[in-house]
Amino acid sequence: MLRQENETILLVEDGEAEVLLIRQAVASCPEELHLAVANDAGEALEWLSDTVERGYSMPRMILLDLKLPKLAGLAVLRTLRMEARMQDVPIVVYSEQHESPDVVLSYQLGANSFVKKPANLAEFTQLLRELADLGWLSGQGLQNSRPRAAVDRRATPR
């Protein structure tokens, strides 16, 4: 996986098509961002543990698929939010299905946003633009995020 200087978005996603789309969307961002991909919860937690052990900066943001093999996205979210170093890292949970119990539980466990999984490159690019508008890709995490009164229906910030 890719190392970073606080320029990395960590994507936790097992779908190859989605990984390819988000890679393309990140490449088209005006900011100098890199994408680290974890195919499941274990890889994500290992990547973050390695980041801490080596003294690297936390990623700018985590995009977390709700439906993961082995360990569900909500269990990963809970684990991440129990780690003090992760408190300022925006975590965006996404899923193909926008079911109310999943949305509510995601926010209760500490998600900063729950969005419907984008289906194509244009939607992934738009999602990244919306997250950048919130200040979440600025490298300052949640500390300097800009509050917004209204956000696209797909990105619901907390």
C-alpha atoms as a PDB file:
ATOM      1  CA  MET A   1       0.000   0.000   0.000  1.00  0.00           C
ATOM      2  CA  LEU A   2       0.996   3.594  -0.590  1.00  0.00           C
ATOM      3  CA  ARG A   3       2.692   5.704   2.106  1.00  0.00           C
ATOM      4  CA  GLN A   4       1.855   9.339   2.493  1.00  0.00           C
ATOM      5  CA  GLU A   5       2.660  12.726   3.914  1.00  0.00           C
ATOM      6  CA  ASN A   6      -0.927  13.440   4.979  1.00  0.00           C
ATOM      7  CA  GLU A   7      -1.973  13.444   1.323  1.00  0.00           C
ATOM      8  CA  THR A   8      -3.683  10.090   1.366  1.00  0.00           C
ATOM      9  CA  ILE A   9      -7.289   9.047   1.265  1.00  0.00           C
ATOM     10  CA  LEU A  10      -7.745   5.548   2.648  1.00  0.00           C
ATOM     11  CA  LEU A  11     -10.363   3.639   0.679  1.00  0.00           C
ATOM     12  CA  VAL A  12     -11.762   0.512   2.332  1.00  0.00           C
ATOM     13  CA  GLU A  13     -13.504  -1.238  -0.552  1.00  0.00           C
ATOM     14  CA  ASP A  14     -13.603  -4.800  -1.864  1.00  0.00           C
ATOM     15  CA  GLY A  15     -15.150  -4.056  -5.267  1.00  0.00           C
ATOM     16  CA  GLU A  16     -12.611  -3.785  -8.092  1.00  0.00           C
ATOM     17  CA  ALA A  17     -14.855  -1.565 -10.230  1.00  0.00           C
ATOM     18  CA  GLU A  18     -15.391   0.899  -7.380  1.00  0.00           C
ATOM     19  CA  VAL A  19     -11.658   1.002  -6.620  1.00  0.00           C
ATOM     20  CA  LEU A  20     -10.912   1.823 -10.261  1.00  0.00           C
ATOM     21  CA  LEU A  21     -13.550   4.577 -10.329  1.00  0.00           C
ATOM     22  CA  ILE A  22     -12.337   6.222  -7.136  1.00  0.00           C
ATOM     23  CA  ARG A  23      -8.713   6.016  -8.359  1.00  0.00           C
ATOM     24  CA  GLN A  24      -9.747   7.945 -11.462  1.00  0.00           C
ATOM     25  CA  ALA A  25     -11.731  10.473  -9.415  1.00  0.00           C
ATOM     26  CA  VAL A  26      -8.801  11.080  -7.031  1.00  0.00           C
ATOM     27  CA  ALA A  27      -6.430  11.484  -9.987  1.00  0.00           C
ATOM     28  CA  SER A  28      -8.670  14.235 -11.362  1.00  0.00           C
ATOM     29  CA  CYS A  29      -8.681  16.220  -8.078  1.00  0.00           C
ATOM     30  CA  PRO A  30      -6.821  19.539  -8.138  1.00  0.00           C
ATOM     31  CA  GLU A  31      -5.202  18.709  -4.780  1.00  0.00           C
ATOM     32  CA  GLU A  32      -2.150  16.432  -4.765  1.00  0.00           C
ATOM     33  CA  LEU A  33      -3.887  13.390  -3.277  1.00  0.00           C
ATOM     34  CA  HIS A  34      -2.993   9.737  -3.229  1.00  0.00           C
ATOM     35  CA  LEU A  35      -5.229   6.741  -2.699  1.00  0.00           C
ATOM     36  CA  ALA A  36      -4.382   3.825  -0.438  1.00  0.00           C
ATOM     37  CA  VAL A  37      -6.705   0.858  -0.885  1.00  0.00           C
ATOM     38  CA  ALA A  38      -7.580  -1.771   1.685  1.00  0.00           C
ATOM     39  CA  ASN A  39      -9.711  -4.596   0.306  1.00  0.00           C
ATOM     40  CA  ASP A  40     -11.175  -5.534   3.670  1.00  0.00           C
ATOM     41  CA  ALA A  41     -11.364  -4.465   7.283  1.00  0.00           C
ATOM     42  CA  GLY A  42      -8.267  -6.391   8.323  1.00  0.00           C
ATOM     43  CA  GLU A  43      -6.125  -4.676   5.688  1.00  0.00           C
ATOM     44  CA  ALA A  44      -7.473  -1.266   6.709  1.00  0.00           C
ATOM     45  CA  LEU A  45      -6.744  -1.784  10.393  1.00  0.00           C
ATOM     46  CA  GLU A  46      -3.282  -3.176   9.563  1.00  0.00           C
ATOM     47  CA  TRP A  47      -2.526  -0.164   7.330  1.00  0.00           C
ATOM     48  CA  LEU A  48      -3.577   2.253  10.074  1.00  0.00           C
ATOM     49  CA  SER A  49      -1.605   0.353  12.718  1.00  0.00           C
ATOM     50  CA  ASP A  50       1.477   0.522  10.496  1.00  0.00           C
ATOM     51  CA  THR A  51       0.864   4.256  10.021  1.00  0.00           C
ATOM     52  CA  VAL A  52       0.878   4.779  13.793  1.00  0.00           C
ATOM     53  CA  GLU A  53       3.911   2.550  14.411  1.00  0.00           C
ATOM     54  CA  ARG A  54       5.980   4.384  11.800  1.00  0.00           C
ATOM     55  CA  GLY A  55       4.887   7.817  13.025  1.00  0.00           C
ATOM     56  CA  TYR A  56       3.240   8.784   9.743  1.00  0.00           C
ATOM     57  CA  SER A  57       0.356  11.228   9.573  1.00  0.00           C
ATOM     58  CA  MET A  58      -3.162   9.859   9.567  1.00  0.00           C
ATOM     59  CA  PRO A  59      -4.925   9.890   6.197  1.00  0.00           C
ATOM     60  CA  ARG A  60      -6.828  13.012   5.228  1.00  0.00           C
ATOM     61  CA  MET A  61     -10.043  11.020   5.016  1.00  0.00           C
ATOM     62  CA  ILE A  62     -11.343   7.457   5.073  1.00  0.00           C
ATOM     63  CA  LEU A  63     -13.960   6.220   2.599  1.00  0.00           C
ATOM     64  CA  LEU A  64     -15.487   3.115   4.136  1.00  0.00           C
ATOM     65  CA  ASP A  65     -17.740   0.652   2.336  1.00  0.00           C
ATOM     66  CA  LEU A  66     -20.490  -0.484   4.697  1.00  0.00           C
ATOM     67  CA  LYS A  67     -20.708  -4.010   3.277  1.00  0.00           C
ATOM     68  CA  LEU A  68     -17.265  -5.583   3.602  1.00  0.00           C
ATOM     69  CA  PRO A  69     -16.215  -9.235   3.684  1.00  0.00           C
ATOM     70  CA  LYS A  70     -15.041 -10.718   7.009  1.00  0.00           C
ATOM     71  CA  LEU A  71     -15.715  -7.718   9.274  1.00  0.00           C
ATOM     72  CA  ALA A  72     -18.572  -5.309   8.552  1.00  0.00           C
ATOM     73  CA  GLY A  73     -17.909  -1.635   7.913  1.00  0.00           C
ATOM     74  CA  LEU A  74     -19.713  -0.656  11.116  1.00  0.00           C
ATOM     75  CA  ALA A  75     -17.326  -2.773  13.184  1.00  0.00           C
ATOM     76  CA  VAL A  76     -14.398  -1.056  11.468  1.00  0.00           C
ATOM     77  CA  LEU A  77     -15.960   2.339  12.123  1.00  0.00           C
ATOM     78  CA  ARG A  78     -16.384   1.555  15.826  1.00  0.00           C
ATOM     79  CA  THR A  79     -12.765   0.381  16.077  1.00  0.00           C
ATOM     80  CA  LEU A  80     -11.480   3.496  14.312  1.00  0.00           C
ATOM     81  CA  ARG A  81     -13.437   5.903  16.481  1.00  0.00           C
ATOM     82  CA  MET A  82     -12.095   4.275  19.667  1.00  0.00           C
ATOM     83  CA  GLU A  83      -8.570   5.278  18.581  1.00  0.00           C
ATOM     84  CA  ALA A  84      -7.660   8.776  19.835  1.00  0.00           C
ATOM     85  CA  ARG A  85      -5.536   9.542  16.757  1.00  0.00           C
ATOM     86  CA  MET A  86      -8.555   9.038  14.508  1.00  0.00           C
ATOM     87  CA  GLN A  87     -10.806  11.652  16.139  1.00  0.00           C
ATOM     88  CA  ASP A  88     -10.010  14.385  13.592  1.00  0.00           C
ATOM     89  CA  VAL A  89     -10.005  12.141  10.518  1.00  0.00           C
ATOM     90  CA  PRO A  90     -13.247  12.441   8.534  1.00  0.00           C
ATOM     91  CA  ILE A  91     -14.837   9.044   7.929  1.00  0.00           C
ATOM     92  CA  VAL A  92     -17.359   8.743   5.131  1.00  0.00           C
ATOM     93  CA  VAL A  93     -19.411   5.546   5.106  1.00  0.00           C
ATOM     94  CA  TYR A  94     -21.064   4.577   1.859  1.00  0.00           C
ATOM     95  CA  SER A  95     -23.337   1.821   0.656  1.00  0.00           C
ATOM     96  CA  GLU A  96     -25.425   0.868  -2.358  1.00  0.00           C
ATOM     97  CA  GLN A  97     -28.431   0.650  -0.059  1.00  0.00           C
ATOM     98  CA  HIS A  98     -29.408   3.696   1.973  1.00  0.00           C
ATOM     99  CA  GLU A  99     -31.272   1.942   4.799  1.00  0.00           C
ATOM    100  CA  SER A 100     -32.266   4.097   7.776  1.00  0.00           C
ATOM    101  CA  PRO A 101     -30.936   1.733  10.486  1.00  0.00           C
ATOM    102  CA  ASP A 102     -27.508   1.654   8.798  1.00  0.00           C
ATOM    103  CA  VAL A 103     -27.447   5.442   8.464  1.00  0.00           C
ATOM    104  CA  VAL A 104     -28.452   6.033  12.095  1.00  0.00           C
ATOM    105  CA  LEU A 105     -26.018   3.462  13.463  1.00  0.00           C
ATOM    106  CA  SER A 106     -23.197   4.855  11.312  1.00  0.00           C
ATOM    107  CA  TYR A 107     -23.689   8.309  12.805  1.00  0.00           C
ATOM    108  CA  GLN A 108     -24.004   6.894  16.321  1.00  0.00           C
ATOM    109  CA  LEU A 109     -20.670   5.114  15.861  1.00  0.00           C
ATOM    110  CA  GLY A 110     -18.938   8.282  14.676  1.00  0.00           C
ATOM    111  CA  ALA A 111     -19.292   8.551  10.901  1.00  0.00           C
ATOM    112  CA  ASN A 112     -19.036  12.106   9.630  1.00  0.00           C
ATOM    113  CA  SER A 113     -21.130  11.357   6.573  1.00  0.00           C
ATOM    114  CA  PHE A 114     -23.179   8.521   5.099  1.00  0.00           C
ATOM    115  CA  VAL A 115     -23.603   8.572   1.333  1.00  0.00           C
ATOM    116  CA  LYS A 116     -25.140   6.415  -1.345  1.00  0.00           C
ATOM    117  CA  LYS A 117     -22.341   4.614  -3.170  1.00  0.00           C
ATOM    118  CA  PRO A 118     -21.593   6.483  -6.391  1.00  0.00           C
ATOM    119  CA  ALA A 119     -22.262   4.383  -9.482  1.00  0.00           C
ATOM    120  CA  ASN A 120     -19.940   6.022 -12.010  1.00  0.00           C
ATOM    121  CA  LEU A 121     -16.903   8.272 -12.380  1.00  0.00           C
ATOM    122  CA  ALA A 122     -18.938  11.481 -12.545  1.00  0.00           C
ATOM    123  CA  GLU A 123     -20.676  10.649  -9.244  1.00  0.00           C
ATOM    124  CA  PHE A 124     -17.398   9.723  -7.508  1.00  0.00           C
ATOM    125  CA  THR A 125     -15.827  12.958  -8.763  1.00  0.00           C
ATOM    126  CA  GLN A 126     -18.830  14.956  -7.552  1.00  0.00           C
ATOM    127  CA  LEU A 127     -18.618  13.278  -4.138  1.00  0.00           C
ATOM    128  CA  LEU A 128     -14.945  14.248  -3.819  1.00  0.00           C
ATOM    129  CA  ARG A 129     -15.803  17.843  -4.807  1.00  0.00           C
ATOM    130  CA  GLU A 130     -18.491  17.979  -2.110  1.00  0.00           C
ATOM    131  CA  LEU A 131     -16.109  16.579   0.494  1.00  0.00           C
ATOM    132  CA  ALA A 132     -13.436  19.083  -0.570  1.00  0.00           C
ATOM    133  CA  ASP A 133     -16.022  21.881  -0.215  1.00  0.00           C
ATOM    134  CA  LEU A 134     -16.541  20.757   3.367  1.00  0.00           C
ATOM    135  CA  GLY A 135     -12.801  21.152   3.943  1.00  0.00           C
ATOM    136  CA  TRP A 136     -12.228  17.459   4.539  1.00  0.00           C
ATOM    137  CA  LEU A 137      -9.508  17.118   1.908  1.00  0.00           C
ATOM    138  CA  SER A 138      -7.547  20.127   3.130  1.00  0.00           C
ATOM    139  CA  GLY A 139      -5.192  18.143   5.346  1.00  0.00           C
ATOM    140  CA  GLN A 140      -6.664  19.684   8.491  1.00  0.00           C
ATOM    141  CA  GLY A 141      -9.196  16.930   9.085  1.00  0.00           C
ATOM    142  CA  LEU A 142     -12.278  18.012  10.966  1.00  0.00           C
ATOM    143  CA  GLN A 143     -10.501  20.828  12.826  1.00  0.00           C
ATOM    144  CA  ASN A 144     -10.964  23.444  10.116  1.00  0.00           C
ATOM    145  CA  SER A 145     -13.886  22.018   8.191  1.00  0.00           C
ATOM    146  CA  ARG A 146     -16.327  24.516   6.809  1.00  0.00           C
ATOM    147  CA  PRO A 147     -19.918  23.992   7.973  1.00  0.00           C
ATOM    148  CA  ARG A 148     -22.540  23.920   5.254  1.00  0.00           C
ATOM    149  CA  ALA A 149     -26.246  24.474   5.648  1.00  0.00           C
ATOM    150  CA  ALA A 150     -27.199  22.351   2.683  1.00  0.00           C
ATOM    151  CA  VAL A 151     -25.266  19.579   1.006  1.00  0.00           C
ATOM    152  CA  ASP A 152     -26.157  17.320  -1.872  1.00  0.00           C
ATOM    153  CA  ARG A 153     -28.564  14.603  -0.770  1.00  0.00           C
ATOM    154  CA  ARG A 154     -25.852  11.968  -1.210  1.00  0.00           C
ATOM    155  CA  ALA A 155     -23.384  13.561   1.218  1.00  0.00           C
ATOM    156  CA  THR A 156     -24.914  14.128   4.616  1.00  0.00           C
ATOM    157  CA  PRO A 157     -22.234  15.600   6.912  1.00  0.00           C
ATOM    158  CA  ARG A 158     -22.383  15.404  10.630  1.00  0.00           C
END
